[in-house]
């Protein structure tokens, strides 16, 4: 025996939160600080399809048919990913699970590996503020620098501070109406998850309307505890 950690010992964190709550940003910071691996459904699907794994081939066929990838396929892809050596220090699930059924399927998968959800962290936001935060976003098409109408406008109207470009772009789904609809859908889908992880004693709520560094500090304290 070489004494190295096995996947069975790896902690699992989940970040819950609506679009724009900062899940991706915070997950990357935890990844850098603690060696945890960020796993998002989109990235997992793309990687599995590119690698041509059995689950990836199944996902590709479904997506090419214009259908949604089933929970069974997503779980199969996640099972393959959790078996890879780089997950030995633990993983952060970003954007999965989204429904009660997915949460139960994830619990069953982790049980196979003698793992569990160590912390399900709910990034709590104010819906009205989120509509303002997201609907005001735009980026420079030249260099990708991000801006916001209220919080981070360009120094000169229509000109990128970083590269001087004038190709400013907004996502078509970042309108106030679309954002409000996405928030409503998120709360409807996530309510069962909140109850599920609260019942397990794994739920931790964090106010995600504060400064990024303050939120990161709270998450770091949680990660320190579960990875100790």
Protein backbone atom coordinates (compact mmCIF):
# COMPACT_ATOMS: atom_id res chain seq x y z
CA UNK A 1 0.00 0.00 0.00
CA UNK A 2 1.30 3.45 -0.89
CA UNK A 3 -0.92 5.34 1.57
CA UNK A 4 -2.35 7.59 -1.14
CA UNK A 5 -5.92 8.81 -0.90
CA UNK A 6 -8.63 6.95 -2.74
CA UNK A 7 -11.77 8.40 -4.32
CA UNK A 8 -13.76 6.92 -1.41
CA UNK A 9 -12.15 9.45 0.93
CA UNK A 10 -12.67 12.45 -1.33
CA UNK A 11 -15.02 15.17 -0.05
CA UNK A 12 -17.86 16.40 -2.24
CA UNK A 13 -19.14 20.00 -2.20
CA UNK A 14 -22.15 21.29 -4.10
CA UNK A 15 -22.69 24.92 -5.04
CA UNK A 16 -26.35 25.84 -5.42
CA UNK A 17 -27.43 29.19 -6.76
CA UNK A 18 -29.24 30.86 -9.66
CA UNK A 19 -27.51 32.12 -12.81
CA UNK A 20 -25.27 35.03 -11.94
CA UNK A 21 -24.87 34.09 -8.26
CA UNK A 22 -21.14 33.50 -8.76
CA UNK A 23 -20.99 29.69 -8.62
CA UNK A 24 -18.41 29.40 -11.36
CA UNK A 25 -16.18 32.14 -9.99
CA UNK A 26 -16.24 30.74 -6.45
CA UNK A 27 -15.73 27.17 -7.65
CA UNK A 28 -12.59 28.18 -9.55
CA UNK A 29 -11.23 29.97 -6.47
CA UNK A 30 -11.79 26.86 -4.33
CA UNK A 31 -10.15 24.76 -7.03
CA UNK A 32 -7.05 26.94 -6.97
CA UNK A 33 -6.84 27.14 -3.17
CA UNK A 34 -7.67 23.57 -2.15
CA UNK A 35 -6.90 21.38 -5.16
CA UNK A 36 -10.56 20.47 -5.50
CA UNK A 37 -11.79 19.70 -9.02
CA UNK A 38 -14.66 21.79 -10.38
CA UNK A 39 -17.19 19.65 -12.22
CA UNK A 40 -19.93 21.30 -14.27
CA UNK A 41 -22.45 19.33 -16.29
CA UNK A 42 -21.68 21.18 -19.52
CA UNK A 43 -17.95 20.57 -19.29
CA UNK A 44 -18.46 16.93 -18.33
CA UNK A 45 -20.71 16.32 -21.33
CA UNK A 46 -18.36 18.03 -23.78
CA UNK A 47 -15.33 16.14 -22.47
CA UNK A 48 -17.09 12.77 -22.53
CA UNK A 49 -18.39 13.33 -26.07
CA UNK A 50 -14.92 14.36 -27.27
CA UNK A 51 -13.30 11.35 -25.56
CA UNK A 52 -15.82 8.98 -27.11
CA UNK A 53 -16.59 7.11 -23.90
CA UNK A 54 -19.67 4.84 -23.94
CA UNK A 55 -21.61 7.41 -21.93
CA UNK A 56 -20.22 10.19 -24.13
CA UNK A 57 -21.40 8.40 -27.27
CA UNK A 58 -24.84 7.99 -25.74
CA UNK A 59 -24.92 11.70 -24.87
CA UNK A 60 -23.80 12.68 -28.37
CA UNK A 61 -26.58 10.65 -29.98
CA UNK A 62 -29.19 12.28 -27.76
CA UNK A 63 -27.88 15.80 -28.35
CA UNK A 64 -27.65 15.28 -32.11
CA UNK A 65 -31.31 14.21 -32.05
CA UNK A 66 -32.11 17.52 -30.39
CA UNK A 67 -33.17 15.96 -27.09
CA UNK A 68 -32.09 16.61 -23.51
CA UNK A 69 -29.49 14.27 -22.06
CA UNK A 70 -31.14 12.00 -19.48
CA UNK A 71 -30.18 11.93 -15.81
CA UNK A 72 -28.94 8.35 -16.26
CA UNK A 73 -26.42 9.43 -18.89
CA UNK A 74 -25.24 12.40 -16.82
CA UNK A 75 -24.78 10.15 -13.79
CA UNK A 76 -22.84 7.64 -15.92
CA UNK A 77 -20.53 10.41 -17.14
CA UNK A 78 -20.08 11.68 -13.58
CA UNK A 79 -19.32 8.13 -12.40
CA UNK A 80 -16.51 7.89 -14.96
CA UNK A 81 -15.14 11.30 -13.98
CA UNK A 82 -15.10 10.55 -10.25
CA UNK A 83 -12.98 7.48 -10.97
CA UNK A 84 -10.14 9.62 -12.37
CA UNK A 85 -7.09 10.18 -10.11
CA UNK A 86 -7.26 13.98 -10.03
CA UNK A 87 -10.50 13.87 -8.01
CA UNK A 88 -8.72 12.32 -5.02
CA UNK A 89 -8.62 15.62 -3.10
CA UNK A 90 -12.33 16.21 -3.64
CA UNK A 91 -14.73 17.79 -6.10
CA UNK A 92 -17.05 20.78 -6.38
CA UNK A 93 -20.27 20.15 -8.27
CA UNK A 94 -21.29 23.36 -10.04
CA UNK A 95 -24.87 23.39 -11.33
CA UNK A 96 -25.64 19.74 -10.59
CA UNK A 97 -27.93 18.43 -9.26
CA UNK A 98 -30.79 20.68 -10.37
CA UNK A 99 -33.77 18.55 -9.34
CA UNK A 100 -34.79 16.28 -6.49
CA UNK A 101 -34.51 13.22 -8.75
CA UNK A 102 -30.95 14.16 -9.70
CA UNK A 103 -30.06 14.65 -6.03
CA UNK A 104 -31.28 11.16 -5.18
CA UNK A 105 -29.40 9.67 -8.13
CA UNK A 106 -26.26 11.49 -7.02
CA UNK A 107 -26.64 10.18 -3.46
CA UNK A 108 -26.81 6.63 -4.84
CA UNK A 109 -23.72 7.16 -7.02
CA UNK A 110 -21.69 8.55 -4.14
CA UNK A 111 -22.79 5.67 -1.92
CA UNK A 112 -21.19 3.30 -4.43
CA UNK A 113 -17.88 5.07 -3.77
CA UNK A 114 -18.47 5.30 -0.01
CA UNK A 115 -18.70 9.08 -0.45
CA UNK A 116 -21.32 11.60 0.60
CA UNK A 117 -22.23 15.26 0.21
CA UNK A 118 -20.05 17.02 2.77
CA UNK A 119 -21.58 20.45 2.16
CA UNK A 120 -24.38 21.70 -0.07
CA UNK A 121 -23.76 25.44 -0.16
CA UNK A 122 -26.67 27.62 -1.19
CA UNK A 123 -25.56 31.00 -2.53
CA UNK A 124 -28.51 33.16 -1.49
CA UNK A 125 -29.34 36.18 -3.61
CA UNK A 126 -31.90 38.96 -3.87
CA UNK A 127 -33.92 38.37 -7.03
CA UNK A 128 -34.50 42.03 -7.88
CA UNK A 129 -30.81 42.81 -7.46
CA UNK A 130 -29.91 39.81 -9.60
CA UNK A 131 -32.09 41.04 -12.45
CA UNK A 132 -30.19 44.34 -12.36
CA UNK A 133 -26.82 42.58 -12.03
CA UNK A 134 -27.29 40.22 -14.96
CA UNK A 135 -29.33 42.34 -17.36
CA UNK A 136 -26.70 45.09 -17.30
CA UNK A 137 -23.80 42.87 -18.36
CA UNK A 138 -21.88 43.28 -21.61
CA UNK A 139 -18.47 42.24 -22.90
CA UNK A 140 -15.88 43.43 -25.37
CA UNK A 141 -16.03 41.24 -28.45
CA UNK A 142 -12.35 41.83 -29.08
CA UNK A 143 -10.70 40.83 -25.80
CA UNK A 144 -13.57 39.44 -23.73
CA UNK A 145 -13.32 42.01 -20.93
CA UNK A 146 -16.55 42.15 -18.94
CA UNK A 147 -18.49 45.31 -18.09
CA UNK A 148 -21.77 46.38 -16.51
CA UNK A 149 -24.01 49.37 -17.18
CA UNK A 150 -24.17 50.34 -13.49
CA UNK A 151 -21.32 48.60 -11.67
CA UNK A 152 -18.49 48.62 -14.23
CA UNK A 153 -19.13 50.93 -17.19
CA UNK A 154 -16.41 51.68 -19.72
CA UNK A 155 -14.45 54.88 -19.08
CA UNK A 156 -15.45 56.11 -22.53
CA UNK A 157 -18.86 55.14 -23.83
CA UNK A 158 -18.64 52.20 -26.23
CA UNK A 159 -14.85 51.84 -26.02
CA UNK A 160 -13.14 48.97 -24.19
CA UNK A 161 -10.81 50.16 -21.43
CA UNK A 162 -8.50 47.20 -22.00
CA UNK A 163 -8.02 46.95 -25.76
CA UNK A 164 -9.74 50.02 -27.19
CA UNK A 165 -12.19 47.90 -29.14
CA UNK A 166 -15.70 49.09 -29.96
CA UNK A 167 -17.43 45.72 -30.50
CA UNK A 168 -19.53 45.57 -27.33
CA UNK A 169 -21.76 42.51 -27.05
CA UNK A 170 -24.69 41.48 -24.87
CA UNK A 171 -26.09 37.98 -24.49
CA UNK A 172 -29.54 37.68 -26.00
CA UNK A 173 -30.85 35.96 -22.86
CA UNK A 174 -29.57 38.64 -20.48
CA UNK A 175 -32.71 40.77 -20.69
CA UNK A 176 -34.58 41.65 -17.50
CA UNK A 177 -37.57 39.53 -18.55
CA UNK A 178 -35.47 36.47 -19.35
CA UNK A 179 -33.44 36.76 -16.17
CA UNK A 180 -36.60 37.03 -14.05
CA UNK A 181 -37.98 33.92 -15.76
CA UNK A 182 -34.74 32.00 -15.15
CA UNK A 183 -34.77 32.97 -11.48
CA UNK A 184 -38.37 31.81 -11.12
CA UNK A 185 -37.51 28.47 -12.74
CA UNK A 186 -34.44 28.09 -10.52
CA UNK A 187 -36.40 28.60 -7.31
CA UNK A 188 -39.08 26.13 -8.43
CA UNK A 189 -36.50 23.46 -9.26
CA UNK A 190 -34.21 24.08 -6.32
CA UNK A 191 -36.75 24.17 -3.50
CA UNK A 192 -36.73 20.34 -3.26
CA UNK A 193 -32.91 20.36 -3.19
CA UNK A 194 -32.81 22.82 -0.31
CA UNK A 195 -35.15 20.59 1.68
CA UNK A 196 -33.24 17.45 0.66
CA UNK A 197 -29.84 18.67 1.84
CA UNK A 198 -31.26 20.43 4.86
CA UNK A 199 -32.71 17.11 5.96
CA UNK A 200 -29.31 15.49 5.48
CA UNK A 201 -27.67 18.17 7.61
CA UNK A 202 -25.43 19.18 4.70
CA UNK A 203 -27.06 22.51 3.78
CA UNK A 204 -25.15 25.74 4.41
CA UNK A 205 -26.61 29.10 3.37
CA UNK A 206 -24.35 32.00 2.38
CA UNK A 207 -25.37 35.56 1.51
CA UNK A 208 -24.04 35.87 -2.03
CA UNK A 209 -24.87 39.56 -2.47
CA UNK A 210 -21.69 40.70 -0.72
CA UNK A 211 -18.15 41.22 -1.99
CA UNK A 212 -16.60 38.33 -3.90
CA UNK A 213 -13.66 38.10 -1.47
CA UNK A 214 -15.97 37.98 1.55
CA UNK A 215 -17.98 35.14 0.01
CA UNK A 216 -14.75 33.38 -0.94
CA UNK A 217 -13.57 33.60 2.66
CA UNK A 218 -16.73 31.93 3.94
CA UNK A 219 -16.44 29.18 1.35
CA UNK A 220 -12.77 28.68 2.17
CA UNK A 221 -13.66 28.13 5.83
CA UNK A 222 -16.16 25.48 4.80
CA UNK A 223 -13.68 23.81 2.46
CA UNK A 224 -11.01 23.83 5.17
CA UNK A 225 -13.37 22.04 7.52
CA UNK A 226 -14.51 19.32 5.10
CA UNK A 227 -11.04 18.64 3.65
CA UNK A 228 -9.25 18.43 6.99
